């Protein structure tokens, strides 16, 4: 399982360097609202209230989402301070991240 975790974090870092990752609650919520994200990642230590709102918005817009890692782990992976929400803006990377998290989508 550690290999999968490392690959997930590595891919997040690559997305950041490629400029296809956005983070932060306000930014991510705006991207969800506009339907401009291919995957939403929430930290496991994000408040349940906020996460339920994000889930509802993602379901409405048809955007896949998952909860994975802590805020500190997500922030470290992208070279920033702790992050609770991350949006991926490119389909193929979103699919690779889901696969690295152990989720297969057809």
PDB file of N, CA and C in Angstrom:
ATOM      1  N   UNK A   1       0.822  -1.201   0.000  1.00  0.00           N
ATOM      2  CA  UNK A   1       0.000   0.000   0.000  1.00  0.00           C
ATOM      3  C   UNK A   1       0.862   1.260   0.000  1.00  0.00           C
ATOM      4  N   UNK A   2       2.034   1.205   0.585  1.00  0.00           N
ATOM      5  CA  UNK A   2       2.897   2.383   0.639  1.00  0.00           C
ATOM      6  C   UNK A   2       3.271   2.858  -0.765  1.00  0.00           C
ATOM      7  N   UNK A   3       3.515   1.929  -1.678  1.00  0.00           N
ATOM      8  CA  UNK A   3       3.848   2.297  -3.048  1.00  0.00           C
ATOM      9  C   UNK A   3       2.716   3.109  -3.673  1.00  0.00           C
ATOM     10  N   UNK A   4       1.463   2.681  -3.462  1.00  0.00           N
ATOM     11  CA  UNK A   4       0.311   3.406  -3.983  1.00  0.00           C
ATOM     12  C   UNK A   4       0.268   4.815  -3.389  1.00  0.00           C
ATOM     13  N   UNK A   5       0.473   4.939  -2.083  1.00  0.00           N
ATOM     14  CA  UNK A   5       0.450   6.240  -1.424  1.00  0.00           C
ATOM     15  C   UNK A   5       1.535   7.147  -1.987  1.00  0.00           C
ATOM     16  N   UNK A   6       2.720   6.617  -2.131  1.00  0.00           N
ATOM     17  CA  UNK A   6       3.822   7.414  -2.664  1.00  0.00           C
ATOM     18  C   UNK A   6       3.518   7.865  -4.092  1.00  0.00           C
ATOM     19  N   UNK A   7       2.956   6.976  -4.898  1.00  0.00           N
ATOM     20  CA  UNK A   7       2.642   7.326  -6.279  1.00  0.00           C
ATOM     21  C   UNK A   7       1.586   8.434  -6.316  1.00  0.00           C
ATOM     22  N   UNK A   8       0.594   8.352  -5.450  1.00  0.00           N
ATOM     23  CA  UNK A   8      -0.449   9.369  -5.391  1.00  0.00           C
ATOM     24  C   UNK A   8       0.158  10.740  -5.079  1.00  0.00           C
ATOM     25  N   UNK A   9       0.980  10.806  -4.048  1.00  0.00           N
ATOM     26  CA  UNK A   9       1.607  12.075  -3.663  1.00  0.00           C
ATOM     27  C   UNK A   9       2.561  12.574  -4.743  1.00  0.00           C
ATOM     28  N   UNK A  10       3.294  11.656  -5.357  1.00  0.00           N
ATOM     29  CA  UNK A  10       4.215  12.016  -6.444  1.00  0.00           C
ATOM     30  C   UNK A  10       3.435  12.634  -7.612  1.00  0.00           C
ATOM     31  N   UNK A  11       2.319  12.022  -7.971  1.00  0.00           N
ATOM     32  CA  UNK A  11       1.497  12.545  -9.060  1.00  0.00           C
ATOM     33  C   UNK A  11       0.933  13.933  -8.726  1.00  0.00           C
ATOM     34  N   UNK A  12       0.559  14.139  -7.460  1.00  0.00           N
ATOM     35  CA  UNK A  12       0.087  15.463  -7.058  1.00  0.00           C
ATOM     36  C   UNK A  12       1.166  16.518  -7.279  1.00  0.00           C
ATOM     37  N   UNK A  13       2.390  16.193  -6.881  1.00  0.00           N
ATOM     38  CA  UNK A  13       3.500  17.116  -7.091  1.00  0.00           C
ATOM     39  C   UNK A  13       3.720  17.420  -8.563  1.00  0.00           C
ATOM     40  N   UNK A  14       3.592  16.404  -9.381  1.00  0.00           N
ATOM     41  CA  UNK A  14       3.762  16.578 -10.821  1.00  0.00           C
ATOM     42  C   UNK A  14       2.657  17.474 -11.385  1.00  0.00           C
ATOM     43  N   UNK A  15       1.422  17.279 -10.910  1.00  0.00           N
ATOM     44  CA  UNK A  15       0.302  18.128 -11.345  1.00  0.00           C
ATOM     45  C   UNK A  15       0.553  19.597 -10.981  1.00  0.00           C
ATOM     46  N   UNK A  16       1.109  19.813  -9.804  1.00  0.00           N
ATOM     47  CA  UNK A  16       1.422  21.183  -9.371  1.00  0.00           C
ATOM     48  C   UNK A  16       2.456  21.810 -10.314  1.00  0.00           C
ATOM     49  N   UNK A  17       3.504  21.057 -10.612  1.00  0.00           N
ATOM     50  CA  UNK A  17       4.557  21.569 -11.497  1.00  0.00           C
ATOM     51  C   UNK A  17       4.037  21.813 -12.912  1.00  0.00           C
ATOM     52  N   UNK A  18       3.075  20.990 -13.334  1.00  0.00           N
ATOM     53  CA  UNK A  18       2.508  21.125 -14.679  1.00  0.00           C
ATOM     54  C   UNK A  18       1.472  22.243 -14.756  1.00  0.00           C
ATOM     55  N   UNK A  19       1.112  22.812 -13.627  1.00  0.00           N
ATOM     56  CA  UNK A  19       0.160  23.911 -13.616  1.00  0.00           C
ATOM     57  C   UNK A  19      -1.290  23.500 -13.799  1.00  0.00           C
ATOM     58  N   UNK A  20      -1.606  22.244 -13.486  1.00  0.00           N
ATOM     59  CA  UNK A  20      -2.983  21.759 -13.665  1.00  0.00           C
ATOM     60  C   UNK A  20      -3.654  21.468 -12.327  1.00  0.00           C
ATOM     61  N   UNK A  21      -3.087  21.969 -11.255  1.00  0.00           N
ATOM     62  CA  UNK A  21      -3.610  21.748  -9.915  1.00  0.00           C
ATOM     63  C   UNK A  21      -3.944  23.094  -9.282  1.00  0.00           C
ATOM     64  N   UNK A  22      -5.098  23.153  -8.652  1.00  0.00           N
ATOM     65  CA  UNK A  22      -5.496  24.340  -7.884  1.00  0.00           C
ATOM     66  C   UNK A  22      -5.801  23.884  -6.474  1.00  0.00           C
ATOM     67  N   UNK A  23      -5.519  24.735  -5.498  1.00  0.00           N
ATOM     68  CA  UNK A  23      -5.765  24.330  -4.118  1.00  0.00           C
ATOM     69  C   UNK A  23      -6.331  25.490  -3.321  1.00  0.00           C
ATOM     70  N   UNK A  24      -6.873  25.143  -2.186  1.00  0.00           N
ATOM     71  CA  UNK A  24      -7.483  26.136  -1.317  1.00  0.00           C
ATOM     72  C   UNK A  24      -8.998  26.096  -1.442  1.00  0.00           C
ATOM     73  N   UNK A  25      -9.670  26.258  -0.347  1.00  0.00           N
ATOM     74  CA  UNK A  25     -11.123  26.097  -0.296  1.00  0.00           C
ATOM     75  C   UNK A  25     -11.857  27.000  -1.277  1.00  0.00           C
ATOM     76  N   UNK A  26     -11.590  28.294  -1.243  1.00  0.00           N
ATOM     77  CA  UNK A  26     -12.310  29.229  -2.121  1.00  0.00           C
ATOM     78  C   UNK A  26     -12.083  28.947  -3.590  1.00  0.00           C
ATOM     79  N   UNK A  27     -10.844  28.731  -3.965  1.00  0.00           N
ATOM     80  CA  UNK A  27     -10.491  28.466  -5.364  1.00  0.00           C
ATOM     81  C   UNK A  27     -11.149  27.189  -5.859  1.00  0.00           C
ATOM     82  N   UNK A  28     -11.046  26.115  -5.070  1.00  0.00           N
ATOM     83  CA  UNK A  28     -11.592  24.826  -5.485  1.00  0.00           C
ATOM     84  C   UNK A  28     -13.120  24.888  -5.585  1.00  0.00           C
ATOM     85  N   UNK A  29     -13.750  25.531  -4.626  1.00  0.00           N
ATOM     86  CA  UNK A  29     -15.215  25.633  -4.670  1.00  0.00           C
ATOM     87  C   UNK A  29     -15.678  26.411  -5.902  1.00  0.00           C
ATOM     88  N   UNK A  30     -14.932  27.419  -6.294  1.00  0.00           N
ATOM     89  CA  UNK A  30     -15.258  28.186  -7.495  1.00  0.00           C
ATOM     90  C   UNK A  30     -15.109  27.324  -8.749  1.00  0.00           C
ATOM     91  N   UNK A  31     -14.056  26.506  -8.811  1.00  0.00           N
ATOM     92  CA  UNK A  31     -13.853  25.613  -9.957  1.00  0.00           C
ATOM     93  C   UNK A  31     -14.963  24.569 -10.041  1.00  0.00           C
ATOM     94  N   UNK A  32     -15.414  24.072  -8.894  1.00  0.00           N
ATOM     95  CA  UNK A  32     -16.526  23.116  -8.882  1.00  0.00           C
ATOM     96  C   UNK A  32     -17.776  23.804  -9.434  1.00  0.00           C
ATOM     97  N   UNK A  33     -18.045  24.991  -8.952  1.00  0.00           N
ATOM     98  CA  UNK A  33     -19.223  25.753  -9.365  1.00  0.00           C
ATOM     99  C   UNK A  33     -19.231  25.966 -10.880  1.00  0.00           C
ATOM    100  N   UNK A  34     -18.052  26.245 -11.439  1.00  0.00           N
ATOM    101  CA  UNK A  34     -17.932  26.481 -12.881  1.00  0.00           C
ATOM    102  C   UNK A  34     -17.815  25.187 -13.684  1.00  0.00           C
ATOM    103  N   UNK A  35     -17.674  24.040 -12.997  1.00  0.00           N
ATOM    104  CA  UNK A  35     -17.532  22.757 -13.683  1.00  0.00           C
ATOM    105  C   UNK A  35     -16.205  22.608 -14.398  1.00  0.00           C
ATOM    106  N   UNK A  36     -15.150  23.239 -13.852  1.00  0.00           N
ATOM    107  CA  UNK A  36     -13.843  23.253 -14.517  1.00  0.00           C
ATOM    108  C   UNK A  36     -12.807  22.372 -13.824  1.00  0.00           C
ATOM    109  N   UNK A  37     -13.262  21.336 -13.149  1.00  0.00           N
ATOM    110  CA  UNK A  37     -12.335  20.405 -12.491  1.00  0.00           C
ATOM    111  C   UNK A  37     -12.673  18.984 -12.926  1.00  0.00           C
ATOM    112  N   UNK A  38     -11.657  18.150 -13.006  1.00  0.00           N
ATOM    113  CA  UNK A  38     -11.854  16.751 -13.376  1.00  0.00           C
ATOM    114  C   UNK A  38     -11.787  15.822 -12.171  1.00  0.00           C
ATOM    115  N   UNK A  39     -11.261  16.323 -11.062  1.00  0.00           N
ATOM    116  CA  UNK A  39     -11.189  15.543  -9.832  1.00  0.00           C
ATOM    117  C   UNK A  39     -11.015  16.508  -8.670  1.00  0.00           C
ATOM    118  N   UNK A  40     -11.732  16.237  -7.582  1.00  0.00           N
ATOM    119  CA  UNK A  40     -11.577  16.999  -6.347  1.00  0.00           C
ATOM    120  C   UNK A  40     -11.031  16.055  -5.288  1.00  0.00           C
ATOM    121  N   UNK A  41      -9.975  16.493  -4.620  1.00  0.00           N
ATOM    122  CA  UNK A  41      -9.359  15.708  -3.552  1.00  0.00           C
ATOM    123  C   UNK A  41      -9.531  16.489  -2.258  1.00  0.00           C
ATOM    124  N   UNK A  42     -10.091  15.832  -1.266  1.00  0.00           N
ATOM    125  CA  UNK A  42     -10.255  16.436   0.044  1.00  0.00           C
ATOM    126  C   UNK A  42      -9.382  15.724   1.059  1.00  0.00           C
ATOM    127  N   UNK A  43      -8.825  16.471   1.975  1.00  0.00           N
ATOM    128  CA  UNK A  43      -8.016  15.878   3.040  1.00  0.00           C
ATOM    129  C   UNK A  43      -8.927  15.110   4.002  1.00  0.00           C
ATOM    130  N   UNK A  44      -8.386  14.051   4.580  1.00  0.00           N
ATOM    131  CA  UNK A  44      -9.173  13.266   5.528  1.00  0.00           C
ATOM    132  C   UNK A  44      -9.480  14.046   6.793  1.00  0.00           C
ATOM    133  N   UNK A  45      -8.681  15.065   7.092  1.00  0.00           N
ATOM    134  CA  UNK A  45      -8.928  15.871   8.284  1.00  0.00           C
ATOM    135  C   UNK A  45      -9.645  17.196   7.964  1.00  0.00           C
ATOM    136  N   UNK A  46     -10.231  17.284   6.784  1.00  0.00           N
ATOM    137  CA  UNK A  46     -11.083  18.405   6.425  1.00  0.00           C
ATOM    138  C   UNK A  46     -12.383  18.264   7.213  1.00  0.00           C
ATOM    139  N   UNK A  47     -12.987  19.371   7.597  1.00  0.00           N
ATOM    140  CA  UNK A  47     -14.223  19.282   8.388  1.00  0.00           C
ATOM    141  C   UNK A  47     -15.302  18.532   7.608  1.00  0.00           C
ATOM    142  N   UNK A  48     -16.060  17.702   8.317  1.00  0.00           N
ATOM    143  CA  UNK A  48     -17.123  16.923   7.683  1.00  0.00           C
ATOM    144  C   UNK A  48     -18.180  17.830   7.063  1.00  0.00           C
ATOM    145  N   UNK A  49     -18.455  18.937   7.712  1.00  0.00           N
ATOM    146  CA  UNK A  49     -19.460  19.876   7.192  1.00  0.00           C
ATOM    147  C   UNK A  49     -19.040  20.416   5.825  1.00  0.00           C
ATOM    148  N   UNK A  50     -17.794  20.860   5.704  1.00  0.00           N
ATOM    149  CA  UNK A  50     -17.290  21.370   4.430  1.00  0.00           C
ATOM    150  C   UNK A  50     -17.269  20.259   3.387  1.00  0.00           C
ATOM    151  N   UNK A  51     -16.812  19.071   3.789  1.00  0.00           N
ATOM    152  CA  UNK A  51     -16.719  17.960   2.838  1.00  0.00           C
ATOM    153  C   UNK A  51     -18.097  17.578   2.301  1.00  0.00           C
ATOM    154  N   UNK A  52     -19.128  17.561   3.146  1.00  0.00           N
ATOM    155  CA  UNK A  52     -20.485  17.239   2.681  1.00  0.00           C
ATOM    156  C   UNK A  52     -20.954  18.257   1.644  1.00  0.00           C
ATOM    157  N   UNK A  53     -20.624  19.511   1.835  1.00  0.00           N
ATOM    158  CA  UNK A  53     -20.971  20.554   0.875  1.00  0.00           C
ATOM    159  C   UNK A  53     -20.235  20.329  -0.450  1.00  0.00           C
ATOM    160  N   UNK A  54     -18.943  19.979  -0.359  1.00  0.00           N
ATOM    161  CA  UNK A  54     -18.142  19.708  -1.562  1.00  0.00           C
ATOM    162  C   UNK A  54     -18.703  18.483  -2.289  1.00  0.00           C
ATOM    163  N   UNK A  55     -19.011  17.424  -1.558  1.00  0.00           N
ATOM    164  CA  UNK A  55     -19.585  16.215  -2.168  1.00  0.00           C
ATOM    165  C   UNK A  55     -20.873  16.543  -2.919  1.00  0.00           C
ATOM    166  N   UNK A  56     -21.729  17.309  -2.284  1.00  0.00           N
ATOM    167  CA  UNK A  56     -23.011  17.682  -2.887  1.00  0.00           C
ATOM    168  C   UNK A  56     -22.794  18.460  -4.186  1.00  0.00           C
ATOM    169  N   UNK A  57     -21.885  19.416  -4.151  1.00  0.00           N
ATOM    170  CA  UNK A  57     -21.582  20.215  -5.347  1.00  0.00           C
ATOM    171  C   UNK A  57     -20.980  19.358  -6.449  1.00  0.00           C
ATOM    172  N   UNK A  58     -20.072  18.454  -6.088  1.00  0.00           N
ATOM    173  CA  UNK A  58     -19.451  17.565  -7.077  1.00  0.00           C
ATOM    174  C   UNK A  58     -20.487  16.629  -7.700  1.00  0.00           C
ATOM    175  N   UNK A  59     -21.373  16.083  -6.886  1.00  0.00           N
ATOM    176  CA  UNK A  59     -22.428  15.216  -7.408  1.00  0.00           C
ATOM    177  C   UNK A  59     -23.317  15.980  -8.385  1.00  0.00           C
ATOM    178  N   UNK A  60     -23.665  17.199  -8.054  1.00  0.00           N
ATOM    179  CA  UNK A  60     -24.506  18.027  -8.913  1.00  0.00           C
ATOM    180  C   UNK A  60     -23.823  18.300 -10.256  1.00  0.00           C
ATOM    181  N   UNK A  61     -22.508  18.552 -10.228  1.00  0.00           N
ATOM    182  CA  UNK A  61     -21.758  18.878 -11.443  1.00  0.00           C
ATOM    183  C   UNK A  61     -21.173  17.643 -12.145  1.00  0.00           C
ATOM    184  N   UNK A  62     -21.276  16.473 -11.517  1.00  0.00           N
ATOM    185  CA  UNK A  62     -20.736  15.248 -12.118  1.00  0.00           C
ATOM    186  C   UNK A  62     -19.220  15.167 -12.055  1.00  0.00           C
ATOM    187  N   UNK A  63     -18.632  15.737 -11.030  1.00  0.00           N
ATOM    188  CA  UNK A  63     -17.173  15.735 -10.874  1.00  0.00           C
ATOM    189  C   UNK A  63     -16.789  14.660  -9.866  1.00  0.00           C
ATOM    190  N   UNK A  64     -15.867  13.747 -10.230  1.00  0.00           N
ATOM    191  CA  UNK A  64     -15.426  12.739  -9.266  1.00  0.00           C
ATOM    192  C   UNK A  64     -14.665  13.378  -8.103  1.00  0.00           C
ATOM    193  N   UNK A  65     -14.722  12.725  -6.952  1.00  0.00           N
ATOM    194  CA  UNK A  65     -14.058  13.238  -5.758  1.00  0.00           C
ATOM    195  C   UNK A  65     -13.616  12.087  -4.881  1.00  0.00           C
ATOM    196  N   UNK A  66     -12.641  12.369  -4.043  1.00  0.00           N
ATOM    197  CA  UNK A  66     -12.184  11.389  -3.068  1.00  0.00           C
ATOM    198  C   UNK A  66     -11.534  12.100  -1.901  1.00  0.00           C
ATOM    199  N   UNK A  67     -11.485  11.410  -0.803  1.00  0.00           N
ATOM    200  CA  UNK A  67     -10.780  11.918   0.388  1.00  0.00           C
ATOM    201  C   UNK A  67      -9.552  11.060   0.571  1.00  0.00           C
ATOM    202  N   UNK A  68      -8.405  11.726   0.658  1.00  0.00           N
ATOM    203  CA  UNK A  68      -7.149  10.987   0.736  1.00  0.00           C
ATOM    204  C   UNK A  68      -6.080  11.883   1.372  1.00  0.00           C
ATOM    205  N   UNK A  69      -5.350  11.347   2.293  1.00  0.00           N
ATOM    206  CA  UNK A  69      -4.227  12.038   2.949  1.00  0.00           C
ATOM    207  C   UNK A  69      -4.708  13.136   3.898  1.00  0.00           C
ATOM    208  N   UNK A  70      -3.760  13.634   4.673  1.00  0.00           N
ATOM    209  CA  UNK A  70      -4.041  14.735   5.592  1.00  0.00           C
ATOM    210  C   UNK A  70      -3.730  16.057   4.899  1.00  0.00           C
ATOM    211  N   UNK A  71      -4.170  17.141   5.502  1.00  0.00           N
ATOM    212  CA  UNK A  71      -3.869  18.472   4.950  1.00  0.00           C
ATOM    213  C   UNK A  71      -2.365  18.680   4.821  1.00  0.00           C
ATOM    214  N   UNK A  72      -1.625  18.235   5.821  1.00  0.00           N
ATOM    215  CA  UNK A  72      -0.166  18.399   5.800  1.00  0.00           C
ATOM    216  C   UNK A  72       0.444  17.597   4.658  1.00  0.00           C
ATOM    217  N   UNK A  73       0.018  16.345   4.480  1.00  0.00           N
ATOM    218  CA  UNK A  73       0.557  15.518   3.398  1.00  0.00           C
ATOM    219  C   UNK A  73       0.250  16.114   2.030  1.00  0.00           C
ATOM    220  N   UNK A  74      -0.972  16.588   1.853  1.00  0.00           N
ATOM    221  CA  UNK A  74      -1.337  17.191   0.560  1.00  0.00           C
ATOM    222  C   UNK A  74      -0.524  18.453   0.304  1.00  0.00           C
ATOM    223  N   UNK A  75      -0.391  19.298   1.320  1.00  0.00           N
ATOM    224  CA  UNK A  75       0.400  20.514   1.167  1.00  0.00           C
ATOM    225  C   UNK A  75       1.859  20.222   0.864  1.00  0.00           C
ATOM    226  N   UNK A  76       2.441  19.283   1.597  1.00  0.00           N
ATOM    227  CA  UNK A  76       3.835  18.906   1.368  1.00  0.00           C
ATOM    228  C   UNK A  76       4.052  18.382  -0.052  1.00  0.00           C
ATOM    229  N   UNK A  77       3.096  17.588  -0.550  1.00  0.00           N
ATOM    230  CA  UNK A  77       3.231  16.992  -1.881  1.00  0.00           C
ATOM    231  C   UNK A  77       3.284  18.049  -2.975  1.00  0.00           C
ATOM    232  N   UNK A  78       2.624  19.191  -2.746  1.00  0.00           N
ATOM    233  CA  UNK A  78       2.603  20.238  -3.778  1.00  0.00           C
ATOM    234  C   UNK A  78       3.491  21.422  -3.425  1.00  0.00           C
ATOM    235  N   UNK A  79       4.276  21.281  -2.360  1.00  0.00           N
ATOM    236  CA  UNK A  79       5.224  22.320  -1.986  1.00  0.00           C
ATOM    237  C   UNK A  79       4.573  23.561  -1.396  1.00  0.00           C
ATOM    238  N   UNK A  80       3.479  23.373  -0.686  1.00  0.00           N
ATOM    239  CA  UNK A  80       2.759  24.505  -0.098  1.00  0.00           C
ATOM    240  C   UNK A  80       2.413  24.198   1.355  1.00  0.00           C
ATOM    241  N   UNK A  81       1.788  25.174   2.004  1.00  0.00           N
ATOM    242  CA  UNK A  81       1.306  24.973   3.364  1.00  0.00           C
ATOM    243  C   UNK A  81       0.161  23.945   3.334  1.00  0.00           C
ATOM    244  N   UNK A  82      -0.285  23.462   4.485  1.00  0.00           N
ATOM    245  CA  UNK A  82      -1.354  22.454   4.501  1.00  0.00           C
ATOM    246  C   UNK A  82      -2.559  22.873   3.656  1.00  0.00           C
ATOM    247  N   UNK A  83      -3.081  21.913   2.896  1.00  0.00           N
ATOM    248  CA  UNK A  83      -4.210  22.160   1.994  1.00  0.00           C
ATOM    249  C   UNK A  83      -5.319  21.155   2.262  1.00  0.00           C
ATOM    250  N   UNK A  84      -6.543  21.644   2.376  1.00  0.00           N
ATOM    251  CA  UNK A  84      -7.684  20.771   2.626  1.00  0.00           C
ATOM    252  C   UNK A  84      -8.398  20.321   1.371  1.00  0.00           C
ATOM    253  N   UNK A  85      -8.337  21.144   0.325  1.00  0.00           N
ATOM    254  CA  UNK A  85      -9.001  20.817  -0.939  1.00  0.00           C
ATOM    255  C   UNK A  85      -8.075  21.081  -2.114  1.00  0.00           C
ATOM    256  N   UNK A  86      -8.124  20.160  -3.064  1.00  0.00           N
ATOM    257  CA  UNK A  86      -7.318  20.267  -4.282  1.00  0.00           C
ATOM    258  C   UNK A  86      -8.211  19.921  -5.469  1.00  0.00           C
ATOM    259  N   UNK A  87      -8.057  20.667  -6.553  1.00  0.00           N
ATOM    260  CA  UNK A  87      -8.758  20.381  -7.801  1.00  0.00           C
ATOM    261  C   UNK A  87      -7.734  20.070  -8.882  1.00  0.00           C
ATOM    262  N   UNK A  88      -8.025  19.058  -9.670  1.00  0.00           N
ATOM    263  CA  UNK A  88      -7.177  18.687 -10.802  1.00  0.00           C
ATOM    264  C   UNK A  88      -7.891  19.129 -12.069  1.00  0.00           C
ATOM    265  N   UNK A  89      -7.187  19.883 -12.912  1.00  0.00           N
ATOM    266  CA  UNK A  89      -7.794  20.482 -14.098  1.00  0.00           C
ATOM    267  C   UNK A  89      -7.474  19.791 -15.402  1.00  0.00           C
ATOM    268  N   UNK A  90      -7.083  18.528 -15.355  1.00  0.00           N
ATOM    269  CA  UNK A  90      -6.756  17.804 -16.580  1.00  0.00           C
ATOM    270  C   UNK A  90      -7.233  16.360 -16.418  1.00  0.00           C
ATOM    271  N   UNK A  91      -7.978  15.877 -17.388  1.00  0.00           N
ATOM    272  CA  UNK A  91      -8.644  14.576 -17.285  1.00  0.00           C
ATOM    273  C   UNK A  91      -7.695  13.399 -17.086  1.00  0.00           C
ATOM    274  N   UNK A  92      -6.652  13.303 -17.891  1.00  0.00           N
ATOM    275  CA  UNK A  92      -5.760  12.138 -17.801  1.00  0.00           C
ATOM    276  C   UNK A  92      -5.051  12.058 -16.453  1.00  0.00           C
ATOM    277  N   UNK A  93      -4.633  13.196 -15.918  1.00  0.00           N
ATOM    278  CA  UNK A  93      -4.008  13.175 -14.597  1.00  0.00           C
ATOM    279  C   UNK A  93      -5.025  12.816 -13.519  1.00  0.00           C
ATOM    280  N   UNK A  94      -6.251  13.278 -13.686  1.00  0.00           N
ATOM    281  CA  UNK A  94      -7.301  12.921 -12.729  1.00  0.00           C
ATOM    282  C   UNK A  94      -7.492  11.402 -12.710  1.00  0.00           C
ATOM    283  N   UNK A  95      -7.518  10.795 -13.876  1.00  0.00           N
ATOM    284  CA  UNK A  95      -7.667   9.335 -13.956  1.00  0.00           C
ATOM    285  C   UNK A  95      -6.477   8.614 -13.334  1.00  0.00           C
ATOM    286  N   UNK A  96      -5.271   9.128 -13.555  1.00  0.00           N
ATOM    287  CA  UNK A  96      -4.077   8.510 -12.969  1.00  0.00           C
ATOM    288  C   UNK A  96      -4.091   8.617 -11.440  1.00  0.00           C
ATOM    289  N   UNK A  97      -4.544   9.744 -10.924  1.00  0.00           N
ATOM    290  CA  UNK A  97      -4.629   9.917  -9.473  1.00  0.00           C
ATOM    291  C   UNK A  97      -5.664   8.962  -8.869  1.00  0.00           C
ATOM    292  N   UNK A  98      -6.795   8.823  -9.542  1.00  0.00           N
ATOM    293  CA  UNK A  98      -7.805   7.869  -9.064  1.00  0.00           C
ATOM    294  C   UNK A  98      -7.243   6.455  -9.056  1.00  0.00           C
ATOM    295  N   UNK A  99      -6.533   6.098 -10.110  1.00  0.00           N
ATOM    296  CA  UNK A  99      -5.915   4.768 -10.191  1.00  0.00           C
ATOM    297  C   UNK A  99      -4.892   4.579  -9.071  1.00  0.00           C
ATOM    298  N   UNK A 100      -4.074   5.595  -8.815  1.00  0.00           N
ATOM    299  CA  UNK A 100      -3.074   5.518  -7.747  1.00  0.00           C
ATOM    300  C   UNK A 100      -3.723   5.388  -6.375  1.00  0.00           C
ATOM    301  N   UNK A 101      -4.952   5.903  -6.251  1.00  0.00           N
ATOM    302  CA  UNK A 101      -5.687   5.797  -4.987  1.00  0.00           C
ATOM    303  C   UNK A 101      -6.446   4.471  -4.892  1.00  0.00           C
ATOM    304  N   UNK A 102      -6.343   3.650  -5.934  1.00  0.00           N
ATOM    305  CA  UNK A 102      -7.006   2.351  -5.932  1.00  0.00           C
ATOM    306  C   UNK A 102      -8.434   2.386  -6.439  1.00  0.00           C
ATOM    307  N   UNK A 103      -8.779   3.438  -7.181  1.00  0.00           N
ATOM    308  CA  UNK A 103     -10.135   3.582  -7.741  1.00  0.00           C
ATOM    309  C   UNK A 103     -10.053   3.505  -9.251  1.00  0.00           C
ATOM    310  N   UNK A 104     -10.737   2.530  -9.826  1.00  0.00           N
ATOM    311  CA  UNK A 104     -10.733   2.365 -11.281  1.00  0.00           C
ATOM    312  C   UNK A 104     -12.020   2.946 -11.862  1.00  0.00           C
ATOM    313  N   UNK A 105     -11.881   3.778 -12.878  1.00  0.00           N
ATOM    314  CA  UNK A 105     -13.034   4.350 -13.578  1.00  0.00           C
ATOM    315  C   UNK A 105     -12.926   3.963 -15.040  1.00  0.00           C
ATOM    316  N   UNK A 106     -14.009   3.529 -15.581  1.00  0.00           N
ATOM    317  CA  UNK A 106     -14.022   3.141 -17.002  1.00  0.00           C
ATOM    318  C   UNK A 106     -14.114   4.354 -17.880  1.00  0.00           C
TER     319      UNK A 106
END
